[in-house]
Amino acid sequence: MLEYIRGKLVEAFPHKVVVYTGGFGHAFFISSNTYEQLPLVEEEVTLYISTVIREDVHKDFAFLRREERDLFEQLGGISGIGAKTALALISHVGYEELSIALFTENLSLLSQVPGVGKKKAARLMIELKDKINPQEFYPSLTSPSPLPEKRQIVHDATNALIRLGYTAGQAQHRVKHALLSCGKEYDLNTLITRALKSSPSCSLPDA
């Protein structure tokens, strides 16, 4: 089983890539997140691989980040999810936004992904939220203040931006940057205000 592959990117499509190495062209399924960050065709690329075998089906999935590959495998290992839904979650929400949504229990965001719904979203949060490291994305969430209260503020601020017309990815990215500037002390109004003032140039491309 492959852990990673390094070679020349010879073909790139929104859902599939071909990497040439050692005289072979290896095909992998990818997320739209990975597709948007690929180098140019003919350039070298390193991809982290997850192999999924189900009965007579054998598929290889590839990701630019090891963490994204690991999350894909965690998602796919949950009963009723599978590789197709796991890839849809990462593609529609994005790795960082998905991790944040799981930790902050953003059920409404997860249930909007095609093929998920509220029941699967709830199962995801129950099984994965304790495996997500919030400090990687929201450092202030790990301060000594009560965590449930901060989770709720982040959740409410994100949903407020979505209601104002931002996509889920844009809303979570703005809230993330607002938290970095707020430090340990903030309330809902402060967080929303700073998120709205977040520089558009900092926005990540939507997944």
Protein backbone atom coordinates (compact mmCIF):
# COMPACT_ATOMS: atom_id res chain seq x y z
CA MET A 1 0.00 0.00 0.00
CA LEU A 2 1.34 3.43 -0.96
CA GLU A 3 2.04 6.03 1.74
CA TYR A 4 2.96 8.80 -0.67
CA ILE A 5 4.13 9.27 -4.24
CA ARG A 6 6.51 11.81 -5.75
CA GLY A 7 6.69 12.28 -9.49
CA LYS A 8 5.75 14.39 -12.49
CA LEU A 9 2.18 15.58 -12.75
CA VAL A 10 1.17 14.60 -16.30
CA GLU A 11 -2.63 15.03 -16.15
CA ALA A 12 -4.87 17.01 -13.81
CA PHE A 13 -8.66 17.09 -13.75
CA PRO A 14 -11.04 18.37 -11.02
CA HIS A 15 -11.55 14.85 -9.67
CA LYS A 16 -8.52 12.93 -10.92
CA VAL A 17 -4.76 13.22 -11.50
CA VAL A 18 -2.09 11.10 -13.15
CA VAL A 19 1.45 11.10 -11.75
CA TYR A 20 4.38 9.62 -13.66
CA THR A 21 7.17 7.93 -11.71
CA GLY A 22 9.37 4.89 -12.21
CA GLY A 23 8.07 4.32 -15.72
CA PHE A 24 4.42 4.11 -14.62
CA GLY A 25 1.52 6.53 -14.76
CA HIS A 26 -0.46 6.30 -11.52
CA ALA A 27 -4.06 7.59 -11.44
CA PHE A 28 -5.61 8.96 -8.24
CA PHE A 29 -8.96 10.43 -7.28
CA ILE A 30 -8.65 13.83 -5.60
CA SER A 31 -10.73 16.43 -3.78
CA SER A 32 -11.45 19.80 -5.37
CA ASN A 33 -9.38 21.24 -2.53
CA THR A 34 -6.33 19.34 -3.77
CA TYR A 35 -7.04 20.20 -7.41
CA GLU A 36 -7.00 23.94 -6.69
CA GLN A 37 -3.54 23.69 -5.09
CA LEU A 38 -1.81 21.42 -7.60
CA PRO A 39 1.36 22.61 -9.35
CA LEU A 40 1.39 23.03 -13.12
CA VAL A 41 1.31 19.97 -15.35
CA GLU A 42 4.84 18.63 -16.02
CA GLU A 43 6.03 19.87 -12.61
CA GLU A 44 6.93 17.59 -9.70
CA VAL A 45 4.30 16.85 -7.09
CA THR A 46 4.15 14.88 -3.85
CA LEU A 47 0.82 13.33 -2.90
CA TYR A 48 -0.25 11.37 0.18
CA ILE A 49 -2.22 8.27 -0.70
CA SER A 50 -5.20 6.47 0.77
CA THR A 51 -6.19 3.14 -0.78
CA VAL A 52 -9.82 2.07 -0.42
CA ILE A 53 -10.79 -1.53 -1.13
CA ARG A 54 -14.46 -2.52 -1.03
CA GLU A 55 -15.34 -6.00 -2.33
CA ASP A 56 -14.23 -5.87 -6.00
CA VAL A 57 -13.63 -2.08 -6.03
CA HIS A 58 -10.09 -0.75 -5.62
CA LYS A 59 -9.53 3.02 -5.65
CA ASP A 60 -6.58 5.23 -4.75
CA PHE A 61 -7.19 8.74 -3.40
CA ALA A 62 -4.48 11.40 -3.21
CA PHE A 63 -4.03 14.57 -1.15
CA LEU A 64 -1.39 17.29 -1.02
CA ARG A 65 -1.43 17.33 2.78
CA ARG A 66 -0.91 14.36 5.06
CA GLU A 67 -3.43 15.82 7.54
CA GLU A 68 -6.12 15.97 4.85
CA ARG A 69 -5.43 12.34 3.90
CA ASP A 70 -5.67 11.28 7.55
CA LEU A 71 -8.98 13.12 8.03
CA PHE A 72 -10.33 11.49 4.86
CA GLU A 73 -9.50 8.07 6.30
CA GLN A 74 -11.11 8.92 9.65
CA LEU A 75 -14.27 10.08 7.89
CA GLY A 76 -14.40 7.03 5.64
CA GLY A 77 -14.04 4.71 8.60
CA ILE A 78 -17.32 5.88 10.15
CA SER A 79 -20.31 3.63 9.55
CA GLY A 80 -22.56 5.00 6.80
CA ILE A 81 -20.01 7.52 5.48
CA GLY A 82 -17.63 5.80 3.07
CA ALA A 83 -15.03 7.21 0.70
CA LYS A 84 -17.48 9.01 -1.61
CA THR A 85 -19.09 11.02 1.19
CA ALA A 86 -15.73 11.64 2.88
CA LEU A 87 -14.36 13.13 -0.34
CA ALA A 88 -17.53 15.20 -0.80
CA LEU A 89 -17.13 16.65 2.71
CA ILE A 90 -13.52 17.65 2.11
CA SER A 91 -14.30 18.99 -1.38
CA HIS A 92 -17.34 21.08 -0.45
CA VAL A 93 -16.12 22.41 2.89
CA GLY A 94 -12.32 22.17 2.77
CA TYR A 95 -9.94 20.52 5.24
CA GLU A 96 -9.50 23.41 7.67
CA GLU A 97 -13.14 24.50 7.57
CA LEU A 98 -14.31 20.89 8.03
CA SER A 99 -12.02 20.42 11.02
CA ILE A 100 -13.32 23.64 12.57
CA ALA A 101 -16.94 22.68 11.88
CA LEU A 102 -16.45 19.33 13.60
CA PHE A 103 -14.85 20.92 16.65
CA THR A 104 -17.36 23.77 16.98
CA GLU A 105 -20.29 21.39 16.34
CA ASN A 106 -21.51 23.32 13.31
CA LEU A 107 -24.25 20.85 12.37
CA SER A 108 -25.92 23.19 9.87
CA LEU A 109 -22.72 23.52 7.79
CA LEU A 110 -22.01 19.79 7.65
CA SER A 111 -25.60 18.84 6.82
CA GLN A 112 -25.50 21.06 3.71
CA VAL A 113 -22.97 18.77 2.02
CA PRO A 114 -24.65 16.51 -0.58
CA GLY A 115 -25.17 13.00 0.78
CA VAL A 116 -24.67 13.94 4.43
CA GLY A 117 -27.81 15.32 6.11
CA LYS A 118 -28.36 15.95 9.82
CA LYS A 119 -28.07 12.34 11.03
CA LYS A 120 -24.70 11.71 9.37
CA ALA A 121 -23.47 15.15 10.42
CA ALA A 122 -24.36 14.42 14.04
CA ARG A 123 -22.57 11.07 13.87
CA LEU A 124 -19.48 12.75 12.44
CA MET A 125 -19.31 15.24 15.29
CA ILE A 126 -19.79 12.59 17.96
CA GLU A 127 -17.07 10.31 16.58
CA LEU A 128 -14.49 12.89 15.44
CA LYS A 129 -14.66 16.11 17.43
CA ASP A 130 -12.39 14.74 20.19
CA LYS A 131 -9.78 13.85 17.56
CA ILE A 132 -9.59 17.37 16.16
CA ASN A 133 -6.89 19.70 17.48
CA PRO A 134 -8.54 23.15 17.75
CA GLN A 135 -5.27 24.96 18.47
CA GLU A 136 -4.13 24.39 14.87
CA PHE A 137 -6.92 26.65 13.63
CA TYR A 138 -8.34 28.64 16.58
CA PRO A 139 -5.53 29.14 19.14
CA SER A 140 -7.74 31.17 21.51
CA LEU A 141 -10.16 28.25 21.91
CA THR A 142 -7.59 26.52 24.10
CA SER A 143 -7.36 29.30 26.68
CA PRO A 144 -8.52 28.65 30.29
CA SER A 145 -11.99 30.17 29.70
CA PRO A 146 -14.95 27.76 29.47
CA LEU A 147 -14.67 25.97 26.13
CA PRO A 148 -18.39 25.30 25.47
CA GLU A 149 -19.15 29.05 25.66
CA LYS A 150 -16.39 29.87 23.17
CA ARG A 151 -17.53 27.14 20.84
CA GLN A 152 -21.00 28.66 20.82
CA ILE A 153 -19.67 32.16 20.09
CA VAL A 154 -17.60 30.88 17.14
CA HIS A 155 -20.57 28.86 15.89
CA ASP A 156 -22.96 31.84 16.13
CA ALA A 157 -20.51 34.26 14.51
CA THR A 158 -19.92 31.88 11.59
CA ASN A 159 -23.65 31.37 11.03
CA ALA A 160 -24.22 35.14 11.22
CA LEU A 161 -21.78 35.70 8.33
CA ILE A 162 -23.39 32.91 6.32
CA ARG A 163 -26.78 34.60 6.74
CA LEU A 164 -25.21 37.82 5.46
CA GLY A 165 -24.30 36.09 2.20
CA TYR A 166 -20.81 34.66 2.77
CA THR A 167 -20.14 31.06 1.80
CA ALA A 168 -19.40 28.65 4.64
CA GLY A 169 -15.69 28.63 3.77
CA GLN A 170 -15.46 32.43 3.60
CA ALA A 171 -17.35 32.83 6.88
CA GLN A 172 -15.16 30.39 8.80
CA HIS A 173 -11.96 31.86 7.34
CA ARG A 174 -12.97 35.39 8.39
CA VAL A 175 -13.91 34.23 11.88
CA LYS A 176 -10.58 32.45 12.16
CA HIS A 177 -8.66 35.65 11.36
CA ALA A 178 -10.89 37.64 13.70
CA LEU A 179 -10.07 35.26 16.55
CA LEU A 180 -6.35 35.70 15.95
CA SER A 181 -6.75 39.47 16.44
CA CYS A 182 -9.15 39.22 19.39
CA GLY A 183 -6.88 37.25 21.68
CA LYS A 184 -8.44 35.46 24.67
CA GLU A 185 -11.26 37.89 25.42
CA TYR A 186 -14.12 38.48 22.98
CA ASP A 187 -17.88 38.42 22.75
CA LEU A 188 -20.17 37.63 19.83
CA ASN A 189 -20.57 41.23 18.62
CA THR A 190 -16.82 41.87 18.70
CA LEU A 191 -16.09 38.67 16.81
CA ILE A 192 -18.67 39.39 14.09
CA THR A 193 -17.49 43.00 13.71
CA ARG A 194 -13.85 42.01 13.31
CA ALA A 195 -14.76 39.16 10.97
CA LEU A 196 -16.64 41.59 8.71
CA LYS A 197 -13.60 43.88 8.65
CA SER A 198 -11.29 41.00 7.76
CA SER A 199 -9.31 41.81 4.62
CA PRO A 200 -10.72 40.11 1.52
CA SER A 201 -7.18 39.54 0.37
CA CYS A 202 -6.82 37.01 3.15
CA SER A 203 -9.71 34.91 1.92
CA LEU A 204 -9.06 31.32 0.91
CA PRO A 205 -10.53 29.98 -2.33
CA ASP A 206 -13.83 28.22 -1.73
CA ALA A 207 -13.69 24.46 -1.71
